[in-house]
Structure formats: C-alpha cells, structure tokens
C-alpha atoms as a PDB file:
ATOM      1  CA  MET A   1      -4.557  17.546 -33.278  1.00  0.00           C
ATOM      2  CA  THR A   2      -5.438  20.643 -31.202  1.00  0.00           C
ATOM      3  CA  MET A   3      -3.124  21.468 -28.274  1.00  0.00           C
ATOM      4  CA  LEU A   4      -4.699  22.032 -24.851  1.00  0.00           C
ATOM      5  CA  ALA A   5      -2.183  24.412 -23.970  1.00  0.00           C
ATOM      6  CA  ASP A   6       0.817  26.261 -25.693  1.00  0.00           C
ATOM      7  CA  ASP A   7       3.167  25.694 -22.781  1.00  0.00           C
ATOM      8  CA  PRO A   8       4.842  22.254 -23.044  1.00  0.00           C
ATOM      9  CA  THR A   9       4.936  21.673 -19.364  1.00  0.00           C
ATOM     10  CA  ALA A  10       1.257  22.680 -18.949  1.00  0.00           C
ATOM     11  CA  ALA A  11       0.332  20.447 -21.998  1.00  0.00           C
ATOM     12  CA  ALA A  12       2.145  17.453 -20.295  1.00  0.00           C
ATOM     13  CA  VAL A  13       0.130  18.052 -17.258  1.00  0.00           C
ATOM     14  CA  LEU A  14      -3.109  17.991 -18.929  1.00  0.00           C
ATOM     15  CA  ALA A  15      -2.366  14.956 -21.042  1.00  0.00           C
ATOM     16  CA  ALA A  16      -1.091  13.133 -17.786  1.00  0.00           C
ATOM     17  CA  VAL A  17      -4.653  13.975 -16.015  1.00  0.00           C
ATOM     18  CA  PRO A  18      -6.941  14.193 -18.907  1.00  0.00           C
ATOM     19  CA  CYS A  19     -10.615  15.345 -18.752  1.00  0.00           C
ATOM     20  CA  HIS A  20     -13.185  13.692 -20.865  1.00  0.00           C
ATOM     21  CA  PRO A  21     -17.005  14.380 -21.542  1.00  0.00           C
ATOM     22  CA  VAL A  22     -19.241  11.287 -21.471  1.00  0.00           C
ATOM     23  CA  PRO A  23     -21.071  10.939 -24.754  1.00  0.00           C
ATOM     24  CA  PRO A  24     -24.833  11.045 -24.585  1.00  0.00           C
ATOM     25  CA  LEU A  25     -24.821   7.969 -26.527  1.00  0.00           C
ATOM     26  CA  GLY A  26     -22.485   5.046 -27.268  1.00  0.00           C
ATOM     27  CA  LYS A  27     -18.888   4.795 -25.788  1.00  0.00           C
ATOM     28  CA  SER A  28     -15.898   7.004 -25.500  1.00  0.00           C
ATOM     29  CA  SER A  29     -12.799   5.454 -26.553  1.00  0.00           C
ATOM     30  CA  ALA A  30     -10.871   7.858 -24.386  1.00  0.00           C
ATOM     31  CA  LEU A  31     -12.828   6.948 -21.373  1.00  0.00           C
ATOM     32  CA  GLU A  32     -12.709   3.236 -22.104  1.00  0.00           C
ATOM     33  CA  ALA A  33      -8.945   3.420 -22.408  1.00  0.00           C
ATOM     34  CA  LEU A  34      -8.692   5.410 -18.978  1.00  0.00           C
ATOM     35  CA  ARG A  35     -10.845   2.702 -17.305  1.00  0.00           C
ATOM     36  CA  SER A  36      -8.837  -0.202 -18.622  1.00  0.00           C
ATOM     37  CA  ALA A  37      -5.344   1.238 -17.982  1.00  0.00           C
ATOM     38  CA  ARG A  38      -2.856  -0.368 -15.769  1.00  0.00           C
ATOM     39  CA  SER A  39      -2.020   2.892 -14.040  1.00  0.00           C
ATOM     40  CA  GLY A  40      -3.183   6.630 -14.522  1.00  0.00           C
ATOM     41  CA  HIS A  41      -6.026   9.006 -13.615  1.00  0.00           C
ATOM     42  CA  GLY A  42      -8.257  11.496 -15.106  1.00  0.00           C
ATOM     43  CA  LEU A  43     -11.751  13.066 -15.107  1.00  0.00           C
ATOM     44  CA  ALA A  44     -15.108  12.114 -16.822  1.00  0.00           C
ATOM     45  CA  VAL A  45     -17.640  15.059 -17.023  1.00  0.00           C
ATOM     46  CA  GLY A  46     -21.328  14.005 -17.267  1.00  0.00           C
ATOM     47  CA  ALA A  47     -24.623  15.723 -17.014  1.00  0.00           C
ATOM     48  CA  ASP A  48     -24.743  14.209 -13.408  1.00  0.00           C
ATOM     49  CA  GLY A  49     -21.366  15.453 -12.266  1.00  0.00           C
ATOM     50  CA  VAL A  50     -17.436  14.835 -12.416  1.00  0.00           C
ATOM     51  CA  MET A  51     -16.044  11.599 -11.638  1.00  0.00           C
ATOM     52  CA  LEU A  52     -12.241  10.712 -10.698  1.00  0.00           C
ATOM     53  CA  ILE A  53     -11.162   7.578 -12.650  1.00  0.00           C
ATOM     54  CA  LEU A  54      -8.174   6.491 -10.937  1.00  0.00           C
ATOM     55  CA  ARG A  55      -6.120   3.194 -11.944  1.00  0.00           C
ATOM     56  CA  ARG A  56      -3.394   1.426 -10.041  1.00  0.00           C
ATOM     57  CA  PRO A  57      -2.082  -2.102 -10.809  1.00  0.00           C
ATOM     58  CA  TRP A  58      -3.679  -3.147  -7.561  1.00  0.00           C
ATOM     59  CA  LEU A  59      -6.805  -0.752  -7.408  1.00  0.00           C
ATOM     60  CA  ALA A  60      -9.669   0.296  -9.790  1.00  0.00           C
ATOM     61  CA  LEU A  61     -11.382   3.528  -8.311  1.00  0.00           C
ATOM     62  CA  ASP A  62     -14.317   5.528  -9.825  1.00  0.00           C
ATOM     63  CA  VAL A  63     -15.589   8.082  -7.447  1.00  0.00           C
ATOM     64  CA  PRO A  64     -17.897  11.132  -8.099  1.00  0.00           C
ATOM     65  CA  ILE A  65     -16.021  14.484  -6.863  1.00  0.00           C
ATOM     66  CA  THR A  66     -18.840  16.881  -7.439  1.00  0.00           C
ATOM     67  CA  PRO A  67     -22.681  16.976  -7.155  1.00  0.00           C
ATOM     68  CA  PRO A  68     -24.701  16.994 -10.452  1.00  0.00           C
ATOM     69  CA  ILE A  69     -23.774  20.169 -12.429  1.00  0.00           C
ATOM     70  CA  ALA A  70     -26.565  22.779 -12.470  1.00  0.00           C
ATOM     71  CA  ALA A  71     -26.055  23.929 -15.963  1.00  0.00           C
ATOM     72  CA  TYR A  72     -27.326  21.997 -18.746  1.00  0.00           C
ATOM     73  CA  LEU A  73     -24.826  19.783 -20.404  1.00  0.00           C
ATOM     74  CA  PRO A  74     -25.674  17.486 -23.418  1.00  0.00           C
ATOM     75  CA  TYR A  75     -23.606  14.529 -21.984  1.00  0.00           C
ATOM     76  CA  GLY A  76     -24.266  11.203 -20.689  1.00  0.00           C
ATOM     77  CA  SER A  77     -24.086   9.860 -17.226  1.00  0.00           C
ATOM     78  CA  ILE A  78     -20.715   9.308 -15.346  1.00  0.00           C
ATOM     79  CA  GLY A  79     -21.940   5.956 -14.153  1.00  0.00           C
ATOM     80  CA  ALA A  80     -21.870   4.275 -10.790  1.00  0.00           C
ATOM     81  CA  PRO A  81     -18.949   4.470  -8.248  1.00  0.00           C
ATOM     82  CA  ARG A  82     -16.459   1.706  -7.999  1.00  0.00           C
ATOM     83  CA  ALA A  83     -13.794   0.754  -5.560  1.00  0.00           C
ATOM     84  CA  ASP A  84     -12.306  -2.710  -6.488  1.00  0.00           C
ATOM     85  CA  LEU A  85      -9.015  -4.291  -5.302  1.00  0.00           C
ATOM     86  CA  ARG A  86      -7.529  -5.610  -8.512  1.00  0.00           C
ATOM     87  CA  CYS A  87      -5.064  -7.644  -6.416  1.00  0.00           C
ATOM     88  CA  GLY A  88      -7.820  -9.325  -4.506  1.00  0.00           C
ATOM     89  CA  LEU A  89      -8.411  -9.532  -0.733  1.00  0.00           C
ATOM     90  CA  ILE A  90      -5.385  -9.808   1.431  1.00  0.00           C
ATOM     91  CA  PRO A  91      -5.078 -13.110   3.178  1.00  0.00           C
ATOM     92  CA  ARG A  92      -6.097 -13.016   6.926  1.00  0.00           C
ATOM     93  CA  GLU A  93      -2.901 -14.548   8.207  1.00  0.00           C
ATOM     94  CA  HIS A  94      -1.114 -11.310   7.208  1.00  0.00           C
ATOM     95  CA  LEU A  95      -3.517  -9.249   9.546  1.00  0.00           C
ATOM     96  CA  ASP A  96      -3.024 -11.805  12.216  1.00  0.00           C
ATOM     97  CA  ALA A  97       0.866 -11.428  12.037  1.00  0.00           C
ATOM     98  CA  ILE A  98       0.623  -7.612  11.855  1.00  0.00           C
ATOM     99  CA  LEU A  99      -1.506  -7.549  15.053  1.00  0.00           C
ATOM    100  CA  ASP A 100       0.977  -9.854  16.832  1.00  0.00           C
ATOM    101  CA  HIS A 101       3.693  -7.579  15.872  1.00  0.00           C
ATOM    102  CA  PHE A 102       1.850  -4.698  17.198  1.00  0.00           C
ATOM    103  CA  ARG A 103       0.975  -6.289  20.468  1.00  0.00           C
ATOM    104  CA  ALA A 104       4.694  -7.341  20.938  1.00  0.00           C
ATOM    105  CA  ALA A 105       5.581  -3.830  20.531  1.00  0.00           C
ATOM    106  CA  LEU A 106       3.319  -2.457  23.385  1.00  0.00           C
ATOM    107  CA  PRO A 107       3.401   0.019  24.981  1.00  0.00           C
ATOM    108  CA  ASN A 108       4.996   1.549  22.038  1.00  0.00           C
ATOM    109  CA  GLU A 109       3.464   2.221  18.604  1.00  0.00           C
ATOM    110  CA  ALA A 110       4.392   0.118  15.591  1.00  0.00           C
ATOM    111  CA  ALA A 111       4.126  -0.039  11.869  1.00  0.00           C
ATOM    112  CA  ALA A 112       3.762  -2.498   9.028  1.00  0.00           C
ATOM    113  CA  PHE A 113       3.168  -2.314   5.209  1.00  0.00           C
ATOM    114  CA  VAL A 114       1.165  -4.784   3.121  1.00  0.00           C
ATOM    115  CA  LEU A 115       2.832  -5.158  -0.420  1.00  0.00           C
ATOM    116  CA  TRP A 116       1.622  -7.038  -3.509  1.00  0.00           C
ATOM    117  CA  ASN A 117       3.631  -8.418  -6.271  1.00  0.00           C
ATOM    118  CA  GLU A 118       2.000  -7.710  -9.695  1.00  0.00           C
ATOM    119  CA  ALA A 119       3.842 -10.375 -11.526  1.00  0.00           C
ATOM    120  CA  THR A 120       3.145 -13.315  -8.974  1.00  0.00           C
ATOM    121  CA  GLY A 121       0.049 -12.131  -7.309  1.00  0.00           C
ATOM    122  CA  ALA A 122       1.653 -12.614  -3.857  1.00  0.00           C
ATOM    123  CA  PHE A 123       1.240 -10.620  -0.869  1.00  0.00           C
ATOM    124  CA  THR A 124       3.904  -9.944   1.915  1.00  0.00           C
ATOM    125  CA  VAL A 125       4.235  -8.027   5.132  1.00  0.00           C
ATOM    126  CA  ASN A 126       7.012  -5.484   5.402  1.00  0.00           C
ATOM    127  CA  LEU A 127       8.238  -4.251   8.858  1.00  0.00           C
ATOM    128  CA  PRO A 128       9.628  -0.913   8.157  1.00  0.00           C
ATOM    129  CA  ASP A 129      12.719   0.798   9.619  1.00  0.00           C
ATOM    130  CA  ILE A 130      11.697   2.670  12.842  1.00  0.00           C
ATOM    131  CA  ASP A 131      13.470   6.055  13.482  1.00  0.00           C
ATOM    132  CA  GLU A 132      11.440   6.716  16.662  1.00  0.00           C
ATOM    133  CA  ALA A 133       8.854   4.707  18.789  1.00  0.00           C
ATOM    134  CA  SER A 134       7.037   5.567  22.101  1.00  0.00           C
ATOM    135  CA  PRO A 135       3.583   5.132  23.289  1.00  0.00           C
ATOM    136  CA  SER A 136       2.515   8.504  21.647  1.00  0.00           C
ATOM    137  CA  ARG A 137       4.892   8.872  18.722  1.00  0.00           C
ATOM    138  CA  LEU A 138       5.984   6.879  15.696  1.00  0.00           C
ATOM    139  CA  VAL A 139       8.390   7.687  12.899  1.00  0.00           C
ATOM    140  CA  TYR A 140       9.056   5.179  10.214  1.00  0.00           C
ATOM    141  CA  ARG A 141      10.211   4.996   6.632  1.00  0.00           C
ATOM    142  CA  THR A 142       8.335   3.865   3.572  1.00  0.00           C
ATOM    143  CA  PRO A 143      10.236   1.230   1.683  1.00  0.00           C
ATOM    144  CA  ALA A 144      11.779   1.539  -1.653  1.00  0.00           C
ATOM    145  CA  LEU A 145      10.216  -1.096  -3.789  1.00  0.00           C
ATOM    146  CA  PRO A 146      11.604  -3.232  -6.385  1.00  0.00           C
ATOM    147  CA  ALA A 147       9.899  -3.554  -9.797  1.00  0.00           C
ATOM    148  CA  ASP A 148       6.463  -5.351  -9.677  1.00  0.00           C
ATOM    149  CA  TRP A 149       5.856  -4.579  -5.970  1.00  0.00           C
ATOM    150  CA  HIS A 150       3.271  -2.131  -4.982  1.00  0.00           C
ATOM    151  CA  MET A 151       2.140  -0.915  -1.321  1.00  0.00           C
ATOM    152  CA  VAL A 152      -1.349  -1.681  -0.786  1.00  0.00           C
ATOM    153  CA  CYS A 153      -1.707  -0.937   2.988  1.00  0.00           C
ATOM    154  CA  ASP A 154       0.209   1.528   5.284  1.00  0.00           C
ATOM    155  CA  ILE A 155      -0.605   0.363   8.740  1.00  0.00           C
ATOM    156  CA  HIS A 156       0.380   1.623  12.238  1.00  0.00           C
ATOM    157  CA  SER A 157      -0.761   1.125  15.738  1.00  0.00           C
ATOM    158  CA  HIS A 158      -1.842   3.529  18.608  1.00  0.00           C
ATOM    159  CA  GLY A 159      -0.840   0.976  21.204  1.00  0.00           C
ATOM    160  CA  ARG A 160      -3.309   1.121  24.174  1.00  0.00           C
ATOM    161  CA  GLY A 161      -4.840   4.234  22.626  1.00  0.00           C
ATOM    162  CA  SER A 162      -7.798   4.706  20.438  1.00  0.00           C
ATOM    163  CA  SER A 163      -7.596   4.470  16.599  1.00  0.00           C
ATOM    164  CA  PHE A 164      -7.640   7.695  14.760  1.00  0.00           C
ATOM    165  CA  PHE A 165      -5.867   9.622  11.991  1.00  0.00           C
ATOM    166  CA  SER A 166      -3.762  12.450  13.317  1.00  0.00           C
ATOM    167  CA  THR A 167      -2.686  15.511  11.520  1.00  0.00           C
ATOM    168  CA  THR A 168       0.644  13.999  10.983  1.00  0.00           C
ATOM    169  CA  ASP A 169      -1.087  11.209   9.369  1.00  0.00           C
ATOM    170  CA  ASN A 170      -3.287  13.466   7.102  1.00  0.00           C
ATOM    171  CA  ALA A 171      -0.034  15.419   5.858  1.00  0.00           C
ATOM    172  CA  ASP A 172       1.648  12.011   5.097  1.00  0.00           C
ATOM    173  CA  ASP A 173      -1.369  10.540   3.360  1.00  0.00           C
ATOM    174  CA  ALA A 174      -2.320  13.574   1.321  1.00  0.00           C
ATOM    175  CA  HIS A 175      -0.709  12.763  -1.854  1.00  0.00           C
ATOM    176  CA  ALA A 176      -0.583   9.043  -1.673  1.00  0.00           C
ATOM    177  CA  THR A 177      -2.689   6.259  -3.318  1.00  0.00           C
ATOM    178  CA  LYS A 178      -3.016   3.536  -0.545  1.00  0.00           C
ATOM    179  CA  ILE A 179      -5.053   1.961   2.023  1.00  0.00           C
ATOM    180  CA  SER A 180      -4.315   3.508   5.450  1.00  0.00           C
ATOM    181  CA  LEU A 181      -5.175   1.767   8.647  1.00  0.00           C
ATOM    182  CA  VAL A 182      -4.789   2.525  12.286  1.00  0.00           C
ATOM    183  CA  PHE A 183      -5.222  -0.044  15.140  1.00  0.00           C
ATOM    184  CA  GLY A 184      -5.779   0.782  18.799  1.00  0.00           C
ATOM    185  CA  ARG A 185      -6.662  -0.718  22.115  1.00  0.00           C
ATOM    186  CA  LEU A 186      -4.472  -3.513  21.429  1.00  0.00           C
ATOM    187  CA  ASP A 187      -4.327  -4.541  24.999  1.00  0.00           C
ATOM    188  CA  GLN A 188      -8.168  -4.775  25.645  1.00  0.00           C
ATOM    189  CA  PRO A 189     -10.000  -7.960  25.482  1.00  0.00           C
ATOM    190  CA  ASP A 190     -12.637  -6.296  23.319  1.00  0.00           C
ATOM    191  CA  GLY A 191     -10.022  -4.964  21.001  1.00  0.00           C
ATOM    192  CA  PRO A 192      -8.447  -4.170  18.789  1.00  0.00           C
ATOM    193  CA  ILE A 193     -10.400  -1.246  17.032  1.00  0.00           C
ATOM    194  CA  MET A 194      -9.582  -0.086  13.608  1.00  0.00           C
ATOM    195  CA  ALA A 195      -9.848   3.264  11.660  1.00  0.00           C
ATOM    196  CA  SER A 196      -9.468   3.105   7.986  1.00  0.00           C
ATOM    197  CA  ARG A 197      -9.537   5.128   4.817  1.00  0.00           C
ATOM    198  CA  LEU A 198      -8.590   4.739   1.145  1.00  0.00           C
ATOM    199  CA  CYS A 199      -6.171   7.589   0.138  1.00  0.00           C
ATOM    200  CA  ALA A 200      -6.554   8.641  -3.427  1.00  0.00           C
ATOM    201  CA  GLY A 201      -6.422  11.896  -5.476  1.00  0.00           C
ATOM    202  CA  GLY A 202      -5.820  13.876  -2.433  1.00  0.00           C
ATOM    203  CA  MET A 203      -8.930  12.634  -0.784  1.00  0.00           C
ATOM    204  CA  PHE A 204      -9.812  10.323   2.126  1.00  0.00           C
ATOM    205  CA  LEU A 205     -12.442   8.050   1.166  1.00  0.00           C
ATOM    206  CA  PRO A 206     -14.352   5.377   3.344  1.00  0.00           C
ATOM    207  CA  LEU A 207     -13.577   1.914   2.757  1.00  0.00           C
ATOM    208  CA  PRO A 208     -16.639  -0.137   1.583  1.00  0.00           C
ATOM    209  CA  ARG A 209     -15.210  -3.088   3.432  1.00  0.00           C
ATOM    210  CA  SER A 210     -12.086  -4.533   5.102  1.00  0.00           C
ATOM    211  CA  PRO A 211      -9.236  -5.339   2.681  1.00  0.00           C
ATOM    212  CA  PHE A 212      -8.519  -8.550   4.457  1.00  0.00           C
ATOM    213  CA  ALA A 213     -10.295 -11.846   3.677  1.00  0.00           C
ATOM    214  CA  GLY A 214     -12.714 -12.925   6.388  1.00  0.00           C
ATOM    215  CA  GLU A 215     -13.232  -9.355   7.605  1.00  0.00           C
ATOM    216  CA  SER A 216     -16.469  -8.044   6.182  1.00  0.00           C
ATOM    217  CA  HIS A 217     -16.539  -4.585   7.864  1.00  0.00           C
ATOM    218  CA  ALA A 218     -14.147  -1.582   7.836  1.00  0.00           C
ATOM    219  CA  ASN A 219     -14.522   0.606  10.733  1.00  0.00           C
END
C-alpha cells in the first residue's frame, strides 16, 4: 500500500480525514464506508466539486464546499447535499421546557443543552453550570458527557434582546459539531425569535428546518 506521507503524524492526519475521488461509473467502497460510518469525516472529489462527508452518531451531513472544478476531471458527481438527524427530531416538550427556563431567568441570559443517548434513543435537557449571567453576558460550561451521550443542541438566550450569534459565539462554535440556537425577545408577546445554524467542519451552515418536532421552520 502506498503511503500518503512519509511523516507518521501527517499520515495519521490524512488517514483520519481522507480524500476520495468519485468514480465515473459504479461505486467507491471507500466512499460507501465513509457515508455509512458511525463517526468520521472526509472529502469526496468529483467533476462537479468537492463535498464534505461528515458523520456523527446523531448526524449525517453531505455538503458541497467548493463550486464545480474548472479543470477537466474524469470523475463522477459528488451527488446531492444531505443534512439528516440520525437521532430524529427532538420532542417539542423539551423546547417548551427550555423556553420556560429562559423566561424564568429574565432579565439575565441563560443556557441549555439538548443531549441524545445513542443506546436508548432518549433525549434530555441539560442545564449547565453558569459562571456568569447578566442581561448582556453569559459564561457557561459544556458538560462532560458519559458514554453513549451526545450533544445535539447548544442553546442560549439573549433575554429581552434580539437573537444573533456574537463574535464570542463564533469563536466557541468554530471547531464544534452541533446545532447552535439563540433565542431572543423572550418577554415579547410576538416572541421569542430564534437564530439557528449547524456547526460542522469549521463552517456555519443554515438549518433546513427546526430540529424540534412540530416546528417546521428554522429562522
């Protein structure tokens, strides 16, 4: 077998995040293994661009990360994009409980995580340890999760303010794989409002829909 790099650390990095050409005909066993993996990520290179294939126990994501390549490549198509919750939609009662918690914390900001158990399929809400909370600032801790538990959503509120992702949020989310949500205007009769994104591969991607059952749209 040909080594991709003569340095063992570099070889390990390239093996952990592989890059596979898409065959013009038939299937690639390497790409099929990547797409069916429990966890991992890599790249598919096709005549129509490069696609990130990312798998987590709770998420299956295929997202193009380049436009079609101008040079001629004798490869096949990378295929259609995909963003599926392997864990399924989160029960609506968890969202209701989180919003009740956020309203009870007013005027301060607050936070919550939605966790999913891979073995049982159960969801739960985790209220994190808060180091600092005010109407304009929140510092909270990500929980250390036992085996089989995975973070699906990282959620915080902006109290009576608008919903948006701050520069601090961007730094915190840059290297995570999770759904990130911010709720604002929690005191308004027409509220709350929500900002949402999927954090994956160092990118912030729009959500095609709300991750909660009974909520069709992601703002």
